[in-house]
N, C-alpha and C. Protein backbone atom coordinates (compact mmCIF):
# COMPACT_ATOMS: atom_id res chain seq x y z
N MET A 1 -52.33 25.70 -49.84
CA MET A 1 -52.00 26.86 -49.13
C MET A 1 -52.30 27.34 -47.81
N GLN A 2 -51.41 27.77 -46.64
CA GLN A 2 -52.15 27.96 -45.37
C GLN A 2 -51.21 29.46 -45.13
N ILE A 3 -52.21 30.06 -44.54
CA ILE A 3 -51.79 31.61 -43.73
C ILE A 3 -51.15 30.90 -42.85
N GLN A 4 -50.14 31.14 -41.76
CA GLN A 4 -49.52 31.02 -41.20
C GLN A 4 -49.30 31.75 -39.97
N TYR A 5 -49.16 33.26 -40.26
CA TYR A 5 -49.19 34.64 -39.59
C TYR A 5 -50.10 35.44 -40.50
N LEU A 6 -50.68 36.15 -40.22
CA LEU A 6 -51.24 37.56 -40.45
C LEU A 6 -51.06 38.44 -39.84
N GLU A 7 -50.48 39.47 -40.25
CA GLU A 7 -49.85 40.60 -39.71
C GLU A 7 -50.65 41.97 -40.30
N ILE A 8 -51.12 42.56 -38.97
CA ILE A 8 -51.75 43.76 -39.43
C ILE A 8 -50.93 45.05 -38.62
N VAL A 9 -50.42 45.70 -39.33
CA VAL A 9 -49.54 46.77 -38.43
C VAL A 9 -50.44 48.25 -38.93
N THR A 10 -50.74 49.01 -37.46
CA THR A 10 -51.64 49.42 -37.70
C THR A 10 -51.40 51.14 -36.05
N ARG A 11 -51.92 51.92 -36.36
CA ARG A 11 -51.29 52.70 -35.28
C ARG A 11 -52.15 53.29 -34.29
N ASN A 12 -53.78 52.10 -34.72
CA ASN A 12 -54.88 52.16 -33.75
C ASN A 12 -54.80 50.96 -33.13
N VAL A 13 -53.57 50.16 -32.51
CA VAL A 13 -54.16 48.67 -32.31
C VAL A 13 -54.77 47.79 -31.47
N ASP A 14 -55.68 49.14 -30.31
CA ASP A 14 -56.57 48.94 -29.23
C ASP A 14 -58.13 48.75 -30.01
N ALA A 15 -58.11 49.75 -30.77
CA ALA A 15 -59.06 49.93 -31.82
C ALA A 15 -59.89 48.76 -32.61
N VAL A 16 -58.26 48.21 -33.23
CA VAL A 16 -58.50 46.97 -34.51
C VAL A 16 -58.58 45.45 -33.42
N CYS A 17 -57.73 45.49 -32.66
CA CYS A 17 -58.44 44.20 -31.28
C CYS A 17 -59.86 44.38 -31.28
N ALA A 18 -60.26 45.42 -30.38
CA ALA A 18 -61.16 45.68 -30.29
C ALA A 18 -62.24 45.16 -31.21
N ALA A 19 -62.20 45.61 -32.52
CA ALA A 19 -63.11 45.28 -33.41
C ALA A 19 -63.17 43.55 -33.66
N TYR A 20 -62.06 43.36 -34.00
CA TYR A 20 -61.63 41.75 -34.32
C TYR A 20 -62.22 40.96 -32.98
N GLU A 21 -62.11 41.18 -32.30
CA GLU A 21 -62.74 40.42 -30.92
C GLU A 21 -64.31 40.80 -30.72
N ALA A 22 -64.83 41.65 -31.17
CA ALA A 22 -66.41 41.80 -31.04
C ALA A 22 -66.93 41.20 -32.40
N LEU A 23 -66.45 41.30 -33.57
CA LEU A 23 -66.70 40.89 -34.74
C LEU A 23 -67.10 39.19 -34.62
N HIS A 24 -65.39 38.77 -34.15
CA HIS A 24 -65.16 37.15 -34.30
C HIS A 24 -64.88 36.62 -33.12
N GLY A 25 -65.46 36.82 -31.97
CA GLY A 25 -65.60 36.27 -30.90
C GLY A 25 -64.22 35.87 -30.35
N VAL A 26 -62.96 36.20 -30.33
CA VAL A 26 -61.72 36.04 -30.35
C VAL A 26 -61.24 36.86 -29.29
N ARG A 27 -60.30 36.69 -28.81
CA ARG A 27 -59.22 37.41 -27.26
C ARG A 27 -57.87 37.51 -27.79
N PHE A 28 -57.06 38.85 -27.94
CA PHE A 28 -55.51 38.32 -28.24
C PHE A 28 -55.27 39.13 -27.05
N SER A 29 -54.11 38.35 -27.13
CA SER A 29 -53.04 38.01 -26.11
C SER A 29 -52.58 39.52 -25.61
N GLU A 30 -51.79 39.12 -24.59
CA GLU A 30 -50.86 41.01 -24.63
C GLU A 30 -49.74 40.76 -25.01
N PRO A 31 -48.87 41.93 -25.54
CA PRO A 31 -48.22 42.42 -26.51
C PRO A 31 -46.98 41.06 -26.71
N GLU A 32 -46.64 40.39 -27.55
CA GLU A 32 -45.86 39.63 -27.90
C GLU A 32 -44.04 40.22 -28.30
N ALA A 33 -43.24 40.25 -27.35
CA ALA A 33 -42.05 41.28 -27.69
C ALA A 33 -41.30 40.63 -28.96
N GLY A 34 -41.59 39.05 -28.82
CA GLY A 34 -40.57 38.11 -29.74
C GLY A 34 -41.20 38.69 -31.40
N LEU A 35 -42.79 39.18 -31.47
CA LEU A 35 -43.36 39.35 -32.53
C LEU A 35 -43.35 40.69 -32.99
N GLY A 36 -42.81 41.83 -32.38
CA GLY A 36 -42.89 43.17 -32.39
C GLY A 36 -43.95 44.10 -31.47
N ASN A 37 -43.72 43.03 -30.51
CA ASN A 37 -45.20 43.57 -29.84
C ASN A 37 -46.32 43.47 -29.94
N ALA A 38 -46.74 42.53 -31.20
CA ALA A 38 -48.14 42.44 -31.36
C ALA A 38 -48.72 41.66 -30.35
N ARG A 39 -49.99 41.46 -30.29
CA ARG A 39 -50.57 41.14 -29.83
C ARG A 39 -51.63 40.20 -31.14
N THR A 40 -51.67 39.11 -30.30
CA THR A 40 -51.94 37.90 -31.03
C THR A 40 -53.12 37.14 -31.00
N ALA A 41 -53.93 36.38 -31.70
CA ALA A 41 -55.27 35.26 -31.49
C ALA A 41 -54.82 34.17 -32.68
N GLY A 42 -55.44 32.81 -32.43
CA GLY A 42 -55.30 31.79 -32.70
C GLY A 42 -56.27 32.34 -34.44
N LEU A 43 -55.62 31.38 -35.43
CA LEU A 43 -56.49 31.35 -36.04
C LEU A 43 -57.42 30.22 -36.48
N PRO A 44 -58.51 29.71 -36.71
CA PRO A 44 -59.28 28.63 -37.04
C PRO A 44 -58.19 28.00 -37.42
N GLU A 45 -57.74 27.52 -39.04
CA GLU A 45 -57.05 26.92 -39.18
C GLU A 45 -55.28 26.46 -39.11
N GLY A 46 -55.50 26.90 -38.03
CA GLY A 46 -53.84 26.86 -36.96
C GLY A 46 -53.00 28.28 -37.40
N GLY A 47 -51.81 28.81 -37.02
CA GLY A 47 -51.22 30.28 -36.72
C GLY A 47 -52.02 31.09 -36.13
N LYS A 48 -51.61 32.35 -36.88
CA LYS A 48 -52.29 33.20 -35.69
C LYS A 48 -52.30 34.46 -36.52
N ILE A 49 -53.30 35.66 -35.92
CA ILE A 49 -53.25 36.81 -36.38
C ILE A 49 -52.29 37.67 -35.35
N GLY A 50 -51.92 38.74 -36.32
CA GLY A 50 -50.96 39.75 -34.87
C GLY A 50 -51.56 41.23 -35.35
N ILE A 51 -51.54 41.46 -34.41
CA ILE A 51 -52.04 43.06 -34.64
C ILE A 51 -50.89 43.87 -33.45
N ARG A 52 -50.21 44.98 -34.71
CA ARG A 52 -48.86 45.72 -33.71
C ARG A 52 -48.81 47.20 -34.24
N ALA A 53 -48.46 47.92 -33.67
CA ALA A 53 -48.03 49.47 -34.12
C ALA A 53 -46.80 49.12 -34.88
N PRO A 54 -46.51 50.02 -35.95
CA PRO A 54 -45.41 50.31 -36.69
C PRO A 54 -44.26 50.55 -35.51
N MET A 55 -42.83 49.52 -35.82
CA MET A 55 -41.72 49.75 -34.97
C MET A 55 -40.79 51.04 -35.20
N SER A 56 -41.28 51.96 -36.14
CA SER A 56 -40.15 52.79 -36.55
C SER A 56 -41.58 53.85 -37.36
N ASP A 57 -40.65 55.09 -36.90
CA ASP A 57 -41.66 56.16 -37.73
C ASP A 57 -41.72 56.04 -38.88
N SER A 58 -40.53 55.20 -39.60
CA SER A 58 -40.78 55.16 -41.13
C SER A 58 -41.55 54.05 -41.68
N GLU A 59 -42.11 53.43 -40.70
CA GLU A 59 -42.89 51.67 -41.00
C GLU A 59 -44.24 52.41 -41.80
N GLU A 60 -44.40 51.90 -42.17
CA GLU A 60 -45.70 52.29 -42.67
C GLU A 60 -46.98 51.17 -42.52
N THR A 61 -48.37 51.31 -42.30
CA THR A 61 -49.14 50.49 -41.87
C THR A 61 -49.59 49.93 -43.31
N VAL A 62 -49.47 48.29 -42.88
CA VAL A 62 -50.30 47.43 -43.64
C VAL A 62 -50.26 46.20 -43.17
N VAL A 63 -51.21 45.30 -44.39
CA VAL A 63 -51.23 43.47 -43.95
C VAL A 63 -50.77 42.78 -44.64
N ARG A 64 -50.57 42.06 -44.15
CA ARG A 64 -49.20 41.06 -44.82
C ARG A 64 -49.50 40.16 -44.40
N PRO A 65 -49.98 38.89 -45.01
CA PRO A 65 -50.42 37.03 -44.64
C PRO A 65 -48.91 36.77 -45.10
N TYR A 66 -48.68 35.52 -44.36
CA TYR A 66 -47.09 35.07 -44.49
C TYR A 66 -47.77 33.91 -44.98
N VAL A 67 -46.93 33.10 -45.87
CA VAL A 67 -47.39 31.36 -46.34
C VAL A 67 -46.51 30.65 -45.55
N LEU A 68 -47.04 29.88 -45.10
CA LEU A 68 -46.63 28.61 -44.77
C LEU A 68 -45.46 28.24 -45.59
N VAL A 69 -44.45 27.37 -45.44
CA VAL A 69 -43.49 27.12 -46.88
C VAL A 69 -42.74 25.91 -45.67
N ASP A 70 -42.23 24.86 -46.49
CA ASP A 70 -41.28 23.63 -45.85
C ASP A 70 -39.91 24.11 -46.06
N ASP A 71 -39.60 25.21 -46.76
CA ASP A 71 -37.97 25.37 -47.06
C ASP A 71 -37.75 27.04 -47.38
N ILE A 72 -37.87 27.90 -46.43
CA ILE A 72 -38.02 29.22 -46.45
C ILE A 72 -36.75 29.80 -47.23
N GLU A 73 -35.49 29.04 -47.22
CA GLU A 73 -34.12 29.40 -48.21
C GLU A 73 -34.60 29.17 -50.06
N ALA A 74 -35.09 27.97 -50.02
CA ALA A 74 -35.74 27.54 -51.21
C ALA A 74 -37.06 28.39 -51.40
N ALA A 75 -37.98 29.05 -50.87
CA ALA A 75 -38.97 29.65 -51.19
C ALA A 75 -38.79 31.53 -51.33
N ALA A 76 -37.66 31.50 -50.57
CA ALA A 76 -37.10 32.97 -50.88
C ALA A 76 -36.42 33.13 -52.47
N ALA A 77 -35.49 31.99 -52.42
CA ALA A 77 -34.72 31.61 -53.95
C ALA A 77 -35.63 32.10 -54.89
N THR A 78 -36.89 31.46 -54.70
CA THR A 78 -37.86 31.30 -56.06
C THR A 78 -38.43 32.47 -56.16
N VAL A 79 -38.90 33.05 -54.87
CA VAL A 79 -39.38 34.28 -55.46
C VAL A 79 -38.66 35.80 -55.91
N ALA A 80 -37.45 35.63 -55.42
CA ALA A 80 -36.32 36.48 -56.18
C ALA A 80 -36.72 36.13 -57.73
N LYS A 81 -36.60 34.74 -58.25
CA LYS A 81 -36.37 34.78 -59.55
C LYS A 81 -37.77 35.31 -60.22
N ALA A 82 -38.70 35.40 -59.49
CA ALA A 82 -39.70 35.79 -59.77
C ALA A 82 -40.03 36.94 -59.93
N ASP A 83 -38.82 38.04 -59.53
CA ASP A 83 -38.99 39.13 -59.83
C ASP A 83 -39.81 39.85 -58.52
N GLY A 84 -39.46 38.99 -57.33
CA GLY A 84 -39.68 39.58 -56.17
C GLY A 84 -38.85 39.91 -55.17
N GLU A 85 -39.15 41.24 -54.25
CA GLU A 85 -37.80 41.85 -53.88
C GLU A 85 -37.86 41.67 -52.59
N ILE A 86 -37.12 40.55 -52.14
CA ILE A 86 -36.79 40.71 -50.59
C ILE A 86 -36.42 42.01 -50.04
N ILE A 87 -37.69 42.02 -48.99
CA ILE A 87 -37.01 43.31 -48.06
C ILE A 87 -36.73 42.64 -46.67
N HIS A 88 -37.08 41.38 -46.70
CA HIS A 88 -36.22 41.05 -45.29
C HIS A 88 -35.90 39.18 -45.27
N PRO A 89 -34.52 39.32 -45.42
CA PRO A 89 -34.37 37.98 -45.70
C PRO A 89 -34.88 36.88 -44.57
N PRO A 90 -34.59 35.54 -44.86
CA PRO A 90 -35.01 34.78 -43.71
C PRO A 90 -34.09 34.69 -42.50
N MET A 91 -35.18 34.78 -41.04
CA MET A 91 -34.72 35.17 -40.35
C MET A 91 -35.57 34.24 -38.79
N GLU A 92 -34.80 34.10 -38.07
CA GLU A 92 -35.23 32.96 -36.90
C GLU A 92 -35.61 33.97 -36.14
N ILE A 93 -37.03 33.90 -35.22
CA ILE A 93 -37.61 34.25 -34.04
C ILE A 93 -37.67 32.81 -33.19
N PRO A 94 -36.97 33.48 -31.98
CA PRO A 94 -37.07 32.05 -31.49
C PRO A 94 -38.18 31.75 -30.58
N GLY A 95 -38.80 30.52 -30.92
CA GLY A 95 -40.25 29.75 -30.32
C GLY A 95 -41.24 30.06 -31.44
N HIS A 96 -40.58 30.95 -32.50
CA HIS A 96 -41.86 30.94 -33.38
C HIS A 96 -41.70 30.42 -34.75
N GLY A 97 -40.55 30.40 -35.15
CA GLY A 97 -39.96 30.05 -36.77
C GLY A 97 -39.00 30.59 -37.30
N LYS A 98 -39.16 30.42 -38.21
CA LYS A 98 -38.53 31.69 -39.53
C LYS A 98 -39.47 32.26 -40.41
N PHE A 99 -39.38 33.73 -40.64
CA PHE A 99 -39.52 34.61 -41.43
C PHE A 99 -38.79 35.29 -42.44
N ALA A 100 -39.46 35.69 -43.62
CA ALA A 100 -39.05 36.47 -44.49
C ALA A 100 -40.42 37.31 -45.52
N ILE A 101 -39.86 38.26 -45.50
CA ILE A 101 -40.99 39.69 -46.05
C ILE A 101 -40.26 39.69 -47.95
N TYR A 102 -41.20 39.94 -48.69
CA TYR A 102 -41.35 40.26 -49.67
C TYR A 102 -42.14 41.29 -50.77
N ILE A 103 -41.77 42.13 -51.76
CA ILE A 103 -42.97 43.03 -52.08
C ILE A 103 -42.91 42.18 -53.60
N GLN A 104 -44.42 42.22 -54.00
CA GLN A 104 -44.14 41.70 -55.46
C GLN A 104 -45.34 42.33 -55.89
N GLY A 105 -45.72 43.09 -57.07
CA GLY A 105 -47.02 43.60 -57.61
C GLY A 105 -47.42 45.20 -56.63
N GLY A 106 -46.52 45.36 -55.67
CA GLY A 106 -46.78 46.65 -55.41
C GLY A 106 -47.19 46.24 -53.55
N ILE A 107 -47.32 44.71 -53.29
CA ILE A 107 -47.84 43.97 -52.60
C ILE A 107 -46.82 43.49 -51.67
N HIS A 108 -47.14 43.34 -50.29
CA HIS A 108 -46.19 42.67 -49.02
C HIS A 108 -46.62 41.27 -48.96
N HIS A 109 -45.49 40.40 -48.96
CA HIS A 109 -45.95 39.19 -48.70
C HIS A 109 -44.90 38.36 -48.05
N GLY A 110 -45.38 37.39 -47.07
CA GLY A 110 -44.13 36.84 -46.58
C GLY A 110 -44.16 35.59 -46.55
N LEU A 111 -43.74 34.68 -45.96
CA LEU A 111 -42.79 33.14 -45.84
C LEU A 111 -42.77 33.20 -44.38
N TRP A 112 -43.50 31.72 -44.06
CA TRP A 112 -42.71 31.40 -42.65
C TRP A 112 -42.44 29.92 -43.11
N GLN A 113 -41.97 29.53 -42.28
CA GLN A 113 -41.34 27.94 -41.59
C GLN A 113 -41.55 27.76 -40.12
N LEU A 114 -41.75 26.77 -39.86
CA LEU A 114 -41.98 26.06 -38.47
C LEU A 114 -40.66 25.45 -38.46
């Protein structure tokens, strides 16, 4: 299992980025529009961590790992059969791959296909 994208949604993007930079010696990018204006940095095993603000007043703060899968449609179907609630069906982000979001056990999870 590989984390392809680790998403942190926070109301204080600058402070969280600064803490990660100081703790881990990474540099975050400028906001990337295709990733909800997340500021990103590479993960040692590949993939990225993205830190962004909520995209609407109703979006909650959350930490959401996206696990790399070979077939996102099949993975989403498997999650749904296991009583996971698909809250964002598979969708392509140009230049990044496809993602989906589900909730299971009260926890947000993500799927990512390159």
